N, C-alpha and C. Protein backbone atom coordinates (compact mmCIF):
# COMPACT_ATOMS: atom_id res chain seq x y z
N UNK A 1 0.88 -1.13 0.02
CA UNK A 1 -0.22 -0.04 -0.13
C UNK A 1 0.82 1.30 -0.16
N UNK A 2 1.31 1.81 -1.24
CA UNK A 2 2.09 2.80 -1.37
C UNK A 2 1.14 4.14 -1.61
N UNK A 3 1.44 5.03 -1.06
CA UNK A 3 0.58 6.33 -1.45
C UNK A 3 1.75 7.28 -1.97
N UNK A 4 1.05 8.36 -2.70
CA UNK A 4 2.07 9.16 -3.25
C UNK A 4 1.83 10.77 -2.44
N UNK A 5 2.76 11.17 -2.41
CA UNK A 5 2.91 12.65 -1.99
C UNK A 5 3.61 13.54 -3.09
N UNK A 6 2.66 14.61 -3.04
CA UNK A 6 3.05 15.39 -4.47
C UNK A 6 3.57 16.67 -3.63
N UNK A 7 4.85 17.12 -4.08
CA UNK A 7 5.42 18.40 -3.65
C UNK A 7 5.86 19.27 -4.85
N UNK A 8 5.51 20.56 -4.71
CA UNK A 8 5.96 21.29 -5.85
C UNK A 8 7.17 22.20 -5.38
N UNK A 9 8.32 21.96 -6.12
CA UNK A 9 9.44 22.76 -6.04
C UNK A 9 9.84 23.43 -7.27
N UNK A 10 10.21 24.79 -7.15
CA UNK A 10 10.54 25.70 -8.04
C UNK A 10 9.88 25.32 -9.54
N UNK A 11 8.63 25.41 -9.43
CA UNK A 11 7.62 25.29 -10.69
C UNK A 11 7.81 24.07 -11.29
N UNK A 12 8.25 22.92 -10.64
CA UNK A 12 8.47 21.74 -11.33
C UNK A 12 7.79 20.49 -10.09
N UNK A 13 7.02 19.70 -10.77
CA UNK A 13 6.27 18.78 -9.83
C UNK A 13 7.18 17.55 -9.80
N UNK A 14 7.16 17.07 -8.68
CA UNK A 14 8.03 15.88 -8.16
C UNK A 14 6.91 14.99 -7.34
N UNK A 15 7.19 13.79 -7.83
CA UNK A 15 6.39 12.80 -6.70
C UNK A 15 7.38 11.87 -6.05
N UNK A 16 6.88 11.77 -4.86
CA UNK A 16 7.63 10.90 -3.74
C UNK A 16 6.75 9.81 -3.34
N UNK A 17 6.90 8.62 -3.49
CA UNK A 17 6.11 7.37 -2.98
C UNK A 17 6.67 7.36 -1.64
N UNK A 18 5.50 7.15 -0.73
CA UNK A 18 5.78 6.77 0.80
C UNK A 18 5.21 5.55 0.78
N UNK A 19 6.06 4.60 1.26
CA UNK A 19 5.90 3.24 1.72
C UNK A 19 5.82 2.95 3.00
N UNK A 20 4.55 2.20 3.43
CA UNK A 20 4.61 1.77 5.06
C UNK A 20 5.75 0.77 5.29
N UNK A 21 6.22 0.72 6.55
CA UNK A 21 7.55 -0.10 6.78
C UNK A 21 6.80 -1.44 6.66
N UNK A 22 5.69 -1.95 7.28
CA UNK A 22 5.32 -3.18 6.91
C UNK A 22 5.12 -3.80 5.42
N UNK A 23 4.88 -2.77 4.41
CA UNK A 23 4.92 -3.13 2.99
C UNK A 23 6.25 -3.19 2.35
N UNK A 24 6.99 -2.66 3.14
CA UNK A 24 8.49 -2.40 2.62
C UNK A 24 9.46 -3.80 2.49
N UNK A 25 10.30 -3.67 1.53
CA UNK A 25 11.41 -5.14 1.67
C UNK A 25 12.07 -4.98 2.98
N UNK A 26 12.51 -5.91 4.10
CA UNK A 26 13.08 -6.20 4.83
C UNK A 26 14.50 -5.57 4.79
N UNK A 27 15.06 -4.67 5.59
CA UNK A 27 16.40 -4.42 5.53
C UNK A 27 17.48 -5.30 6.11
N UNK A 28 18.88 -5.15 5.76
CA UNK A 28 19.55 -6.30 6.43
C UNK A 28 20.35 -5.57 7.57
N UNK A 29 20.01 -6.49 8.61
CA UNK A 29 20.44 -5.86 9.88
C UNK A 29 21.81 -6.18 10.29
N UNK A 30 22.51 -5.20 11.18
CA UNK A 30 23.75 -5.26 11.32
C UNK A 30 24.27 -6.30 12.37
N UNK A 31 25.32 -7.05 12.33
CA UNK A 31 25.66 -7.83 13.27
C UNK A 31 26.43 -7.26 14.39
N UNK A 32 26.27 -7.36 15.75
CA UNK A 32 27.07 -6.90 16.68
C UNK A 32 28.51 -7.46 16.73
N UNK A 33 28.65 -8.59 15.94
CA UNK A 33 30.13 -9.23 16.12
C UNK A 33 30.95 -8.33 15.14
N UNK A 34 30.39 -7.69 14.53
CA UNK A 34 31.52 -6.85 13.52
C UNK A 34 31.74 -5.56 14.03
N UNK A 35 31.18 -5.02 14.95
CA UNK A 35 31.28 -3.59 15.66
C UNK A 35 32.47 -3.41 16.34
N UNK A 36 33.04 -4.51 17.13
CA UNK A 36 34.07 -4.37 18.01
C UNK A 36 34.01 -3.61 19.39
N UNK A 37 34.99 -3.50 20.28
CA UNK A 37 34.73 -2.96 21.67
C UNK A 37 34.60 -1.33 21.29
N UNK A 38 33.91 -0.63 22.28
CA UNK A 38 33.54 0.74 22.18
C UNK A 38 34.59 1.27 23.41
N UNK A 39 35.11 2.29 23.00
CA UNK A 39 36.28 3.12 23.54
C UNK A 39 35.75 4.22 24.66
N UNK A 40 35.91 3.96 25.68
CA UNK A 40 35.36 4.99 26.59
C UNK A 40 36.39 6.27 27.12
N UNK A 41 35.92 7.44 27.12
CA UNK A 41 36.51 8.40 27.79
C UNK A 41 36.83 8.56 29.06
N UNK A 42 37.48 8.90 29.83
CA UNK A 42 37.54 8.89 31.20
C UNK A 42 36.56 9.50 32.02
N UNK A 43 35.78 10.66 31.39
CA UNK A 43 34.55 11.08 31.89
C UNK A 43 33.37 10.28 32.01
N UNK A 44 33.46 9.20 30.81
CA UNK A 44 32.46 8.51 30.96
C UNK A 44 32.43 7.34 31.96
N UNK A 45 33.70 6.95 31.94
CA UNK A 45 34.06 5.80 32.65
C UNK A 45 33.70 5.94 34.35
N UNK A 46 34.31 7.47 34.57
CA UNK A 46 33.84 7.77 35.76
C UNK A 46 32.22 8.06 36.04
N UNK A 47 31.58 8.61 35.09
CA UNK A 47 30.11 9.03 35.33
C UNK A 47 29.62 7.34 35.67
N UNK A 48 30.01 6.48 34.86
CA UNK A 48 29.26 5.05 35.06
C UNK A 48 29.64 4.37 36.47
N UNK A 49 30.91 4.74 36.96
CA UNK A 49 31.13 4.02 38.08
C UNK A 49 30.43 4.83 39.29
N UNK A 50 30.20 6.08 39.11
CA UNK A 50 29.56 6.75 39.93
C UNK A 50 28.00 6.32 40.24
N UNK A 51 27.58 6.15 38.61
CA UNK A 51 26.05 5.85 38.69
C UNK A 51 25.94 4.62 39.20
N UNK A 52 26.97 3.54 39.14
CA UNK A 52 27.11 2.24 39.99
C UNK A 52 27.08 2.42 41.44
N UNK A 53 27.87 3.25 41.80
CA UNK A 53 28.19 3.42 43.27
C UNK A 53 26.56 3.99 44.01
N UNK A 54 26.04 4.89 43.01
CA UNK A 54 24.80 5.39 43.42
C UNK A 54 23.60 4.29 43.58
N UNK A 55 23.63 3.36 42.64
CA UNK A 55 22.78 2.36 42.65
C UNK A 55 22.73 1.35 43.60
N UNK A 56 24.03 1.06 43.85
CA UNK A 56 24.38 0.11 45.09
C UNK A 56 23.98 0.78 46.47
N UNK A 57 24.33 2.01 46.81
CA UNK A 57 23.79 2.75 47.88
C UNK A 57 22.40 2.56 48.13
N UNK A 58 21.65 3.02 47.06
CA UNK A 58 20.43 2.87 47.04
C UNK A 58 19.44 1.79 47.46
N UNK A 59 20.36 0.81 46.65
CA UNK A 59 19.68 -0.92 46.78
C UNK A 59 20.08 -1.03 48.37
N UNK A 60 21.25 -0.73 49.20
CA UNK A 60 21.42 -0.80 50.31
C UNK A 60 20.16 -0.23 51.28
N UNK A 61 19.91 1.15 50.77
CA UNK A 61 19.20 1.88 51.93
C UNK A 61 17.48 1.18 51.74
N UNK A 62 17.16 0.82 50.45
CA UNK A 62 16.05 -0.15 50.52
C UNK A 62 16.03 -1.30 51.16
N UNK A 63 17.05 -1.93 51.15
CA UNK A 63 17.05 -3.19 51.89
C UNK A 63 17.03 -2.94 53.38
N UNK A 64 17.87 -1.95 53.85
CA UNK A 64 17.90 -1.50 55.17
C UNK A 64 16.34 -1.30 55.75
N UNK A 65 15.63 -0.19 54.81
CA UNK A 65 14.47 0.13 55.12
C UNK A 65 13.45 -1.16 55.28
N UNK A 66 13.50 -1.81 54.21
CA UNK A 66 12.70 -3.21 54.36
C UNK A 66 12.74 -4.23 55.44
N UNK A 67 14.18 -4.29 55.96
CA UNK A 67 14.25 -5.00 57.16
C UNK A 67 13.78 -4.33 58.47
N UNK A 68 13.98 -3.20 58.25
CA UNK A 68 13.79 -2.12 59.37
C UNK A 68 12.14 -1.93 59.60
N UNK A 69 11.42 -1.97 58.37
CA UNK A 69 9.78 -2.09 58.58
C UNK A 69 9.46 -3.44 58.99
N UNK A 70 10.23 -4.73 58.75
CA UNK A 70 9.79 -5.92 59.03
C UNK A 70 10.14 -6.03 60.56
N UNK A 71 10.75 -5.09 61.35
CA UNK A 71 10.88 -5.27 62.80
C UNK A 71 12.16 -6.16 63.17
N UNK A 72 13.04 -6.53 62.14
CA UNK A 72 14.15 -7.19 62.35
C UNK A 72 15.04 -6.50 63.34
N UNK A 73 15.37 -5.23 63.15
CA UNK A 73 16.25 -4.31 64.13
C UNK A 73 15.64 -4.05 65.41
N UNK A 74 14.28 -3.99 65.62
CA UNK A 74 13.76 -3.81 66.93
C UNK A 74 13.53 -2.24 67.26
N UNK A 75 12.69 -1.73 68.10
CA UNK A 75 12.40 -0.20 68.16
C UNK A 75 13.41 0.35 69.24
N UNK A 76 14.12 1.21 68.71
CA UNK A 76 15.00 1.89 69.59
C UNK A 76 14.50 3.17 70.30
N UNK A 77 13.58 3.84 69.50
CA UNK A 77 12.72 4.95 69.91
C UNK A 77 11.55 4.62 70.55
N UNK A 78 11.16 5.39 71.82
CA UNK A 78 10.21 5.02 72.18
C UNK A 78 9.38 6.32 72.59
């Protein structure tokens, strides 16, 4: 199901055919094996390490809160 889109450009009529992706021919997919390793700059490496540390700390805080709500640590404040 291809529809035709007419565009006027400099007094000249040109036709462009718009093809729906489901009706188009399948394209060749790229293989990840051909890409090779990605090089990271030091700023990217430090950002990812900081993100990893943040996620670990947040996971520990959530775990502590769940254990605290379950009553494992007891009630220290009366």
